[in-house]
C-alpha atoms as a PDB file:
ATOM      1  CA  UNK A   1      -9.022  46.495 -25.838  1.00  0.00           C
ATOM      2  CA  UNK A   2      -7.527  46.931 -22.786  1.00  0.00           C
ATOM      3  CA  UNK A   3      -3.648  44.999 -21.965  1.00  0.00           C
ATOM      4  CA  UNK A   4      -4.182  42.448 -19.963  1.00  0.00           C
ATOM      5  CA  UNK A   5      -7.313  41.262 -22.598  1.00  0.00           C
ATOM      6  CA  UNK A   6      -5.179  41.414 -25.639  1.00  0.00           C
ATOM      7  CA  UNK A   7      -2.502  39.538 -23.803  1.00  0.00           C
ATOM      8  CA  UNK A   8      -4.915  36.541 -22.989  1.00  0.00           C
ATOM      9  CA  UNK A   9      -6.266  36.020 -26.438  1.00  0.00           C
ATOM     10  CA  UNK A  10      -2.662  36.213 -27.611  1.00  0.00           C
ATOM     11  CA  UNK A  11      -1.730  33.463 -24.847  1.00  0.00           C
ATOM     12  CA  UNK A  12      -5.002  31.449 -26.287  1.00  0.00           C
ATOM     13  CA  UNK A  13      -3.543  31.751 -29.586  1.00  0.00           C
ATOM     14  CA  UNK A  14      -0.536  30.403 -28.808  1.00  0.00           C
ATOM     15  CA  UNK A  15      -1.307  27.886 -26.830  1.00  0.00           C
ATOM     16  CA  UNK A  16      -4.036  26.489 -29.323  1.00  0.00           C
ATOM     17  CA  UNK A  17      -1.241  26.327 -32.135  1.00  0.00           C
ATOM     18  CA  UNK A  18       0.347  23.560 -29.986  1.00  0.00           C
ATOM     19  CA  UNK A  19      -2.298  21.388 -29.419  1.00  0.00           C
ATOM     20  CA  UNK A  20      -1.008  18.306 -31.668  1.00  0.00           C
ATOM     21  CA  UNK A  21       1.603  17.759 -34.244  1.00  0.00           C
ATOM     22  CA  UNK A  22       1.184  16.753 -37.607  1.00  0.00           C
ATOM     23  CA  UNK A  23      -0.540  13.275 -38.955  1.00  0.00           C
ATOM     24  CA  UNK A  24       1.710  10.306 -38.620  1.00  0.00           C
ATOM     25  CA  UNK A  25       3.438   7.716 -38.572  1.00  0.00           C
ATOM     26  CA  UNK A  26       3.068   6.920 -34.159  1.00  0.00           C
ATOM     27  CA  UNK A  27       4.588   3.265 -34.024  1.00  0.00           C
ATOM     28  CA  UNK A  28       4.766   0.405 -36.397  1.00  0.00           C
ATOM     29  CA  UNK A  29       6.997  -1.696 -38.456  1.00  0.00           C
ATOM     30  CA  UNK A  30       8.522  -1.457 -42.277  1.00  0.00           C
ATOM     31  CA  UNK A  31       5.192  -2.496 -44.415  1.00  0.00           C
ATOM     32  CA  UNK A  32       7.980  -2.347 -47.322  1.00  0.00           C
ATOM     33  CA  UNK A  33       9.438  -5.114 -46.790  1.00  0.00           C
ATOM     34  CA  UNK A  34       7.446  -7.134 -44.873  1.00  0.00           C
ATOM     35  CA  UNK A  35       7.314 -10.896 -45.568  1.00  0.00           C
ATOM     36  CA  UNK A  36       4.986 -13.814 -45.653  1.00  0.00           C
ATOM     37  CA  UNK A  37       4.440 -14.718 -41.544  1.00  0.00           C
ATOM     38  CA  UNK A  38       2.479 -17.295 -40.043  1.00  0.00           C
ATOM     39  CA  UNK A  39      -0.706 -18.142 -40.331  1.00  0.00           C
ATOM     40  CA  UNK A  40      -3.684 -17.419 -37.866  1.00  0.00           C
ATOM     41  CA  UNK A  41      -5.232 -20.704 -38.916  1.00  0.00           C
ATOM     42  CA  UNK A  42      -3.324 -23.603 -39.997  1.00  0.00           C
ATOM     43  CA  UNK A  43      -5.952 -26.060 -39.955  1.00  0.00           C
ATOM     44  CA  UNK A  44      -9.237 -26.417 -38.954  1.00  0.00           C
ATOM     45  CA  UNK A  45      -8.494 -27.323 -35.114  1.00  0.00           C
ATOM     46  CA  UNK A  46      -5.271 -25.175 -34.975  1.00  0.00           C
ATOM     47  CA  UNK A  47      -6.449 -21.608 -35.223  1.00  0.00           C
ATOM     48  CA  UNK A  48      -4.554 -19.162 -32.832  1.00  0.00           C
ATOM     49  CA  UNK A  49      -4.768 -15.656 -31.791  1.00  0.00           C
ATOM     50  CA  UNK A  50      -1.772 -14.092 -32.816  1.00  0.00           C
ATOM     51  CA  UNK A  51      -1.147 -10.220 -30.665  1.00  0.00           C
ATOM     52  CA  UNK A  52       1.474  -7.284 -31.258  1.00  0.00           C
ATOM     53  CA  UNK A  53       2.162  -5.812 -28.579  1.00  0.00           C
ATOM     54  CA  UNK A  54       3.484  -1.884 -28.688  1.00  0.00           C
ATOM     55  CA  UNK A  55       3.725   1.113 -26.751  1.00  0.00           C
ATOM     56  CA  UNK A  56       3.033   4.374 -26.852  1.00  0.00           C
ATOM     57  CA  UNK A  57       5.107   7.311 -25.007  1.00  0.00           C
ATOM     58  CA  UNK A  58       2.981   9.739 -25.026  1.00  0.00           C
ATOM     59  CA  UNK A  59      -1.101  10.773 -25.558  1.00  0.00           C
ATOM     60  CA  UNK A  60      -1.878  10.048 -28.896  1.00  0.00           C
ATOM     61  CA  UNK A  61      -5.068  10.765 -31.502  1.00  0.00           C
ATOM     62  CA  UNK A  62      -5.244   7.111 -33.900  1.00  0.00           C
ATOM     63  CA  UNK A  63      -6.737   7.804 -37.229  1.00  0.00           C
ATOM     64  CA  UNK A  64      -5.414   4.488 -39.269  1.00  0.00           C
ATOM     65  CA  UNK A  65      -4.650   1.388 -38.766  1.00  0.00           C
ATOM     66  CA  UNK A  66      -2.490  -0.455 -41.557  1.00  0.00           C
ATOM     67  CA  UNK A  67      -1.399  -4.354 -41.414  1.00  0.00           C
ATOM     68  CA  UNK A  68       0.218  -6.566 -44.273  1.00  0.00           C
ATOM     69  CA  UNK A  69      -1.411 -10.043 -44.964  1.00  0.00           C
ATOM     70  CA  UNK A  70      -0.758 -12.647 -47.202  1.00  0.00           C
ATOM     71  CA  UNK A  71      -2.781 -15.815 -48.544  1.00  0.00           C
ATOM     72  CA  UNK A  72      -4.430 -17.932 -48.800  1.00  0.00           C
ATOM     73  CA  UNK A  73      -2.176 -20.724 -46.492  1.00  0.00           C
ATOM     74  CA  UNK A  74       0.110 -23.314 -46.706  1.00  0.00           C
ATOM     75  CA  UNK A  75      -2.915 -25.647 -47.107  1.00  0.00           C
ATOM     76  CA  UNK A  76      -4.917 -23.662 -49.818  1.00  0.00           C
ATOM     77  CA  UNK A  77      -7.642 -25.847 -48.956  1.00  0.00           C
ATOM     78  CA  UNK A  78      -9.800 -23.239 -46.816  1.00  0.00           C
ATOM     79  CA  UNK A  79     -12.052 -20.751 -48.065  1.00  0.00           C
ATOM     80  CA  UNK A  80     -12.652 -17.918 -47.498  1.00  0.00           C
ATOM     81  CA  UNK A  81      -9.204 -16.540 -46.242  1.00  0.00           C
ATOM     82  CA  UNK A  82     -10.539 -13.796 -44.392  1.00  0.00           C
ATOM     83  CA  UNK A  83      -9.607 -11.810 -40.966  1.00  0.00           C
ATOM     84  CA  UNK A  84     -10.082  -9.738 -38.264  1.00  0.00           C
ATOM     85  CA  UNK A  85      -8.491  -6.948 -36.041  1.00  0.00           C
ATOM     86  CA  UNK A  86      -8.791  -5.850 -33.041  1.00  0.00           C
ATOM     87  CA  UNK A  87      -6.932  -3.180 -30.167  1.00  0.00           C
ATOM     88  CA  UNK A  88      -6.635  -3.907 -26.570  1.00  0.00           C
ATOM     89  CA  UNK A  89      -4.990  -2.774 -23.372  1.00  0.00           C
ATOM     90  CA  UNK A  90      -4.733  -6.561 -22.075  1.00  0.00           C
ATOM     91  CA  UNK A  91      -4.282  -9.774 -23.527  1.00  0.00           C
ATOM     92  CA  UNK A  92      -7.416 -11.439 -25.060  1.00  0.00           C
ATOM     93  CA  UNK A  93      -9.477  -8.269 -23.838  1.00  0.00           C
ATOM     94  CA  UNK A  94     -10.209  -6.501 -27.608  1.00  0.00           C
ATOM     95  CA  UNK A  95     -12.061  -3.248 -26.354  1.00  0.00           C
ATOM     96  CA  UNK A  96     -12.285  -2.065 -30.021  1.00  0.00           C
ATOM     97  CA  UNK A  97     -12.625  -3.596 -32.844  1.00  0.00           C
ATOM     98  CA  UNK A  98     -10.981  -2.112 -35.523  1.00  0.00           C
ATOM     99  CA  UNK A  99     -12.190  -4.107 -39.033  1.00  0.00           C
ATOM    100  CA  UNK A 100     -11.613  -7.093 -40.812  1.00  0.00           C
ATOM    101  CA  UNK A 101     -10.553  -8.312 -44.255  1.00  0.00           C
ATOM    102  CA  UNK A 102     -10.831 -10.749 -46.703  1.00  0.00           C
ATOM    103  CA  UNK A 103      -7.047 -12.026 -48.849  1.00  0.00           C
ATOM    104  CA  UNK A 104      -7.773 -12.210 -52.515  1.00  0.00           C
ATOM    105  CA  UNK A 105      -4.778 -13.598 -53.570  1.00  0.00           C
ATOM    106  CA  UNK A 106      -4.886 -17.056 -55.812  1.00  0.00           C
ATOM    107  CA  UNK A 107      -4.855 -20.529 -53.920  1.00  0.00           C
ATOM    108  CA  UNK A 108      -2.243 -21.594 -57.034  1.00  0.00           C
ATOM    109  CA  UNK A 109      -0.074 -18.625 -56.203  1.00  0.00           C
ATOM    110  CA  UNK A 110       3.023 -19.391 -54.241  1.00  0.00           C
ATOM    111  CA  UNK A 111       4.751 -17.473 -52.610  1.00  0.00           C
ATOM    112  CA  UNK A 112       1.365 -15.941 -51.192  1.00  0.00           C
ATOM    113  CA  UNK A 113       0.773 -12.870 -52.573  1.00  0.00           C
ATOM    114  CA  UNK A 114       1.216  -9.726 -49.865  1.00  0.00           C
ATOM    115  CA  UNK A 115      -1.638  -7.737 -49.068  1.00  0.00           C
ATOM    116  CA  UNK A 116      -2.113  -3.963 -47.579  1.00  0.00           C
ATOM    117  CA  UNK A 117      -5.209  -3.333 -45.905  1.00  0.00           C
ATOM    118  CA  UNK A 118      -6.164  -0.030 -44.548  1.00  0.00           C
ATOM    119  CA  UNK A 119      -8.333   0.927 -41.931  1.00  0.00           C
ATOM    120  CA  UNK A 120      -9.557   4.099 -40.888  1.00  0.00           C
ATOM    121  CA  UNK A 121      -9.899   4.409 -37.138  1.00  0.00           C
ATOM    122  CA  UNK A 122     -12.963   7.625 -36.045  1.00  0.00           C
ATOM    123  CA  UNK A 123     -10.566   9.806 -33.718  1.00  0.00           C
ATOM    124  CA  UNK A 124      -9.678   7.070 -31.151  1.00  0.00           C
ATOM    125  CA  UNK A 125      -7.532   8.525 -28.312  1.00  0.00           C
ATOM    126  CA  UNK A 126      -5.030   6.258 -26.346  1.00  0.00           C
ATOM    127  CA  UNK A 127      -3.221   6.893 -23.015  1.00  0.00           C
ATOM    128  CA  UNK A 128       0.460   6.281 -23.232  1.00  0.00           C
ATOM    129  CA  UNK A 129       0.768   2.368 -21.988  1.00  0.00           C
ATOM    130  CA  UNK A 130       1.410  -0.496 -23.337  1.00  0.00           C
ATOM    131  CA  UNK A 131      -1.884  -2.114 -26.108  1.00  0.00           C
ATOM    132  CA  UNK A 132      -2.433  -5.400 -27.895  1.00  0.00           C
ATOM    133  CA  UNK A 133      -3.034  -5.032 -31.883  1.00  0.00           C
ATOM    134  CA  UNK A 134      -4.649  -8.460 -32.168  1.00  0.00           C
ATOM    135  CA  UNK A 135      -4.906 -10.691 -35.663  1.00  0.00           C
ATOM    136  CA  UNK A 136      -7.882 -13.767 -35.717  1.00  0.00           C
ATOM    137  CA  UNK A 137      -8.986 -15.611 -39.143  1.00  0.00           C
ATOM    138  CA  UNK A 138      -9.228 -18.801 -41.312  1.00  0.00           C
ATOM    139  CA  UNK A 139      -6.436 -19.119 -43.641  1.00  0.00           C
ATOM    140  CA  UNK A 140      -4.591 -15.992 -43.775  1.00  0.00           C
ATOM    141  CA  UNK A 141      -1.040 -14.962 -42.697  1.00  0.00           C
ATOM    142  CA  UNK A 142      -0.396 -12.138 -41.015  1.00  0.00           C
ATOM    143  CA  UNK A 143       3.505 -10.927 -42.440  1.00  0.00           C
ATOM    144  CA  UNK A 144       6.520 -10.387 -40.383  1.00  0.00           C
ATOM    145  CA  UNK A 145       8.693  -6.970 -40.988  1.00  0.00           C
ATOM    146  CA  UNK A 146      11.360  -4.931 -39.310  1.00  0.00           C
ATOM    147  CA  UNK A 147      10.370  -2.259 -36.365  1.00  0.00           C
ATOM    148  CA  UNK A 148      10.863   0.855 -36.762  1.00  0.00           C
ATOM    149  CA  UNK A 149      11.694   3.606 -34.901  1.00  0.00           C
ATOM    150  CA  UNK A 150       9.228   6.522 -33.717  1.00  0.00           C
ATOM    151  CA  UNK A 151       9.490   9.080 -30.776  1.00  0.00           C
ATOM    152  CA  UNK A 152       5.830   8.845 -30.128  1.00  0.00           C
ATOM    153  CA  UNK A 153       5.531   4.297 -29.654  1.00  0.00           C
ATOM    154  CA  UNK A 154       7.948   1.216 -29.872  1.00  0.00           C
ATOM    155  CA  UNK A 155       7.285  -2.072 -31.098  1.00  0.00           C
ATOM    156  CA  UNK A 156       6.804  -5.120 -28.214  1.00  0.00           C
ATOM    157  CA  UNK A 157       6.512  -8.523 -28.789  1.00  0.00           C
ATOM    158  CA  UNK A 158       5.177 -10.471 -31.083  1.00  0.00           C
ATOM    159  CA  UNK A 159       2.811 -13.208 -29.387  1.00  0.00           C
ATOM    160  CA  UNK A 160       0.762 -16.276 -30.373  1.00  0.00           C
ATOM    161  CA  UNK A 161      -1.752 -17.878 -27.931  1.00  0.00           C
ATOM    162  CA  UNK A 162      -1.283 -21.612 -28.058  1.00  0.00           C
ATOM    163  CA  UNK A 163      -5.055 -22.626 -27.059  1.00  0.00           C
ATOM    164  CA  UNK A 164      -6.584 -23.968 -29.950  1.00  0.00           C
ATOM    165  CA  UNK A 165     -10.254 -23.564 -28.861  1.00  0.00           C
ATOM    166  CA  UNK A 166      -9.712 -19.531 -27.353  1.00  0.00           C
ATOM    167  CA  UNK A 167     -10.558 -20.816 -23.857  1.00  0.00           C
ATOM    168  CA  UNK A 168      -7.899 -19.958 -21.776  1.00  0.00           C
ATOM    169  CA  UNK A 169      -6.296 -16.815 -23.962  1.00  0.00           C
ATOM    170  CA  UNK A 170      -6.690 -14.713 -20.626  1.00  0.00           C
ATOM    171  CA  UNK A 171      -4.242 -16.576 -18.791  1.00  0.00           C
ATOM    172  CA  UNK A 172      -0.879 -14.865 -19.910  1.00  0.00           C
ATOM    173  CA  UNK A 173       1.420 -18.157 -19.364  1.00  0.00           C
ATOM    174  CA  UNK A 174      -0.931 -19.560 -22.466  1.00  0.00           C
ATOM    175  CA  UNK A 175       1.089 -16.824 -24.645  1.00  0.00           C
ATOM    176  CA  UNK A 176       4.157 -17.744 -26.067  1.00  0.00           C
ATOM    177  CA  UNK A 177       6.440 -14.833 -28.250  1.00  0.00           C
ATOM    178  CA  UNK A 178       7.454 -15.476 -31.527  1.00  0.00           C
ATOM    179  CA  UNK A 179      10.688 -14.605 -33.156  1.00  0.00           C
ATOM    180  CA  UNK A 180       9.619 -11.586 -34.867  1.00  0.00           C
ATOM    181  CA  UNK A 181       7.548  -8.583 -35.339  1.00  0.00           C
ATOM    182  CA  UNK A 182       3.923  -8.358 -37.310  1.00  0.00           C
ATOM    183  CA  UNK A 183       3.521  -5.867 -40.212  1.00  0.00           C
ATOM    184  CA  UNK A 184       1.668  -2.830 -39.059  1.00  0.00           C
ATOM    185  CA  UNK A 185       1.505   0.922 -38.905  1.00  0.00           C
ATOM    186  CA  UNK A 186      -0.615   2.721 -36.908  1.00  0.00           C
ATOM    187  CA  UNK A 187      -1.333   6.682 -37.904  1.00  0.00           C
ATOM    188  CA  UNK A 188      -2.692   9.552 -36.190  1.00  0.00           C
ATOM    189  CA  UNK A 189      -1.368  12.521 -34.568  1.00  0.00           C
ATOM    190  CA  UNK A 190       0.194  13.505 -30.887  1.00  0.00           C
ATOM    191  CA  UNK A 191      -1.454  15.277 -28.533  1.00  0.00           C
ATOM    192  CA  UNK A 192       0.562  18.216 -27.167  1.00  0.00           C
ATOM    193  CA  UNK A 193      -1.103  19.758 -24.671  1.00  0.00           C
ATOM    194  CA  UNK A 194       1.376  19.968 -21.813  1.00  0.00           C
ATOM    195  CA  UNK A 195       2.954  23.456 -21.652  1.00  0.00           C
ATOM    196  CA  UNK A 196       5.448  24.742 -24.432  1.00  0.00           C
ATOM    197  CA  UNK A 197       7.595  27.623 -24.569  1.00  0.00           C
ATOM    198  CA  UNK A 198       5.062  29.105 -26.514  1.00  0.00           C
ATOM    199  CA  UNK A 199       2.984  28.992 -23.579  1.00  0.00           C
ATOM    200  CA  UNK A 200       5.008  30.199 -20.975  1.00  0.00           C
ATOM    201  CA  UNK A 201       6.189  33.418 -23.689  1.00  0.00           C
ATOM    202  CA  UNK A 202       2.082  33.926 -23.376  1.00  0.00           C
ATOM    203  CA  UNK A 203       2.069  33.778 -19.741  1.00  0.00           C
ATOM    204  CA  UNK A 204       4.718  35.974 -19.379  1.00  0.00           C
ATOM    205  CA  UNK A 205       3.090  38.613 -21.252  1.00  0.00           C
ATOM    206  CA  UNK A 206       0.196  37.999 -19.330  1.00  0.00           C
ATOM    207  CA  UNK A 207       2.083  38.677 -15.978  1.00  0.00           C
ATOM    208  CA  UNK A 208       3.980  41.738 -17.302  1.00  0.00           C
ATOM    209  CA  UNK A 209       0.787  43.179 -18.765  1.00  0.00           C
ATOM    210  CA  UNK A 210      -0.641  42.911 -15.300  1.00  0.00           C
ATOM    211  CA  UNK A 211       1.708  44.497 -12.819  1.00  0.00           C
ATOM    212  CA  UNK A 212       1.568  47.685 -15.580  1.00  0.00           C
ATOM    213  CA  UNK A 213      -2.016  48.001 -15.604  1.00  0.00           C
ATOM    214  CA  UNK A 214      -1.538  47.786 -11.746  1.00  0.00           C
ATOM    215  CA  UNK A 215       1.353  50.324 -11.658  1.00  0.00           C
ATOM    216  CA  UNK A 216      -0.837  52.353 -14.129  1.00  0.00           C
ATOM    217  CA  UNK A 217      -3.900  52.011 -12.098  1.00  0.00           C
ATOM    218  CA  UNK A 218      -1.936  53.454  -8.932  1.00  0.00           C
ATOM    219  CA  UNK A 219      -0.406  56.628 -10.889  1.00  0.00           C
ATOM    220  CA  UNK A 220      -4.966  57.649 -11.627  1.00  0.00           C
ATOM    221  CA  UNK A 221      -5.158  57.171  -8.175  1.00  0.00           C
END
């Protein structure tokens, strides 16, 4: 094997080893200390869409999303205590359905018991930018929690649409900020395809190898 080819192989191995970091928390709140939050549907004609805004600072691959829910709601008369979770890049525009769940707490239990719902996501690739994790449902409550500091993203505002019929939620003026953040965590890996120190080192070796090979070729001539 000649030197340039060997250098190319070494460089490929170094670069490919930097394609991502270990699976970890990308952005979210402290689920271990979450507390009872607002209802998704406090009365039959008063249902609301609630979203948690967050920002990603780098390209990521999401593989897991968790939310903390409580229920049933204060009224304790609507059943089942169900909810759905979606993810979109604009308010009231859900591009990806994450999943759904049913809160199984005892209707006679107060305060309601918190349940953690874990949704596996099959390699959802997201670019840097602002996103909205959306919750809709009946007689369930999305818990509130304190934001966590991560290097891959930042927690934004919790928002709710004040239109009971959901007909005008595409209008940004119909969304009101909440005074807290909703309980969620998004896990996955950060895509680190940008050049790294190992990449620069490898390309340097290739350059040196090419120069040596060229000089050797000239001596033979």
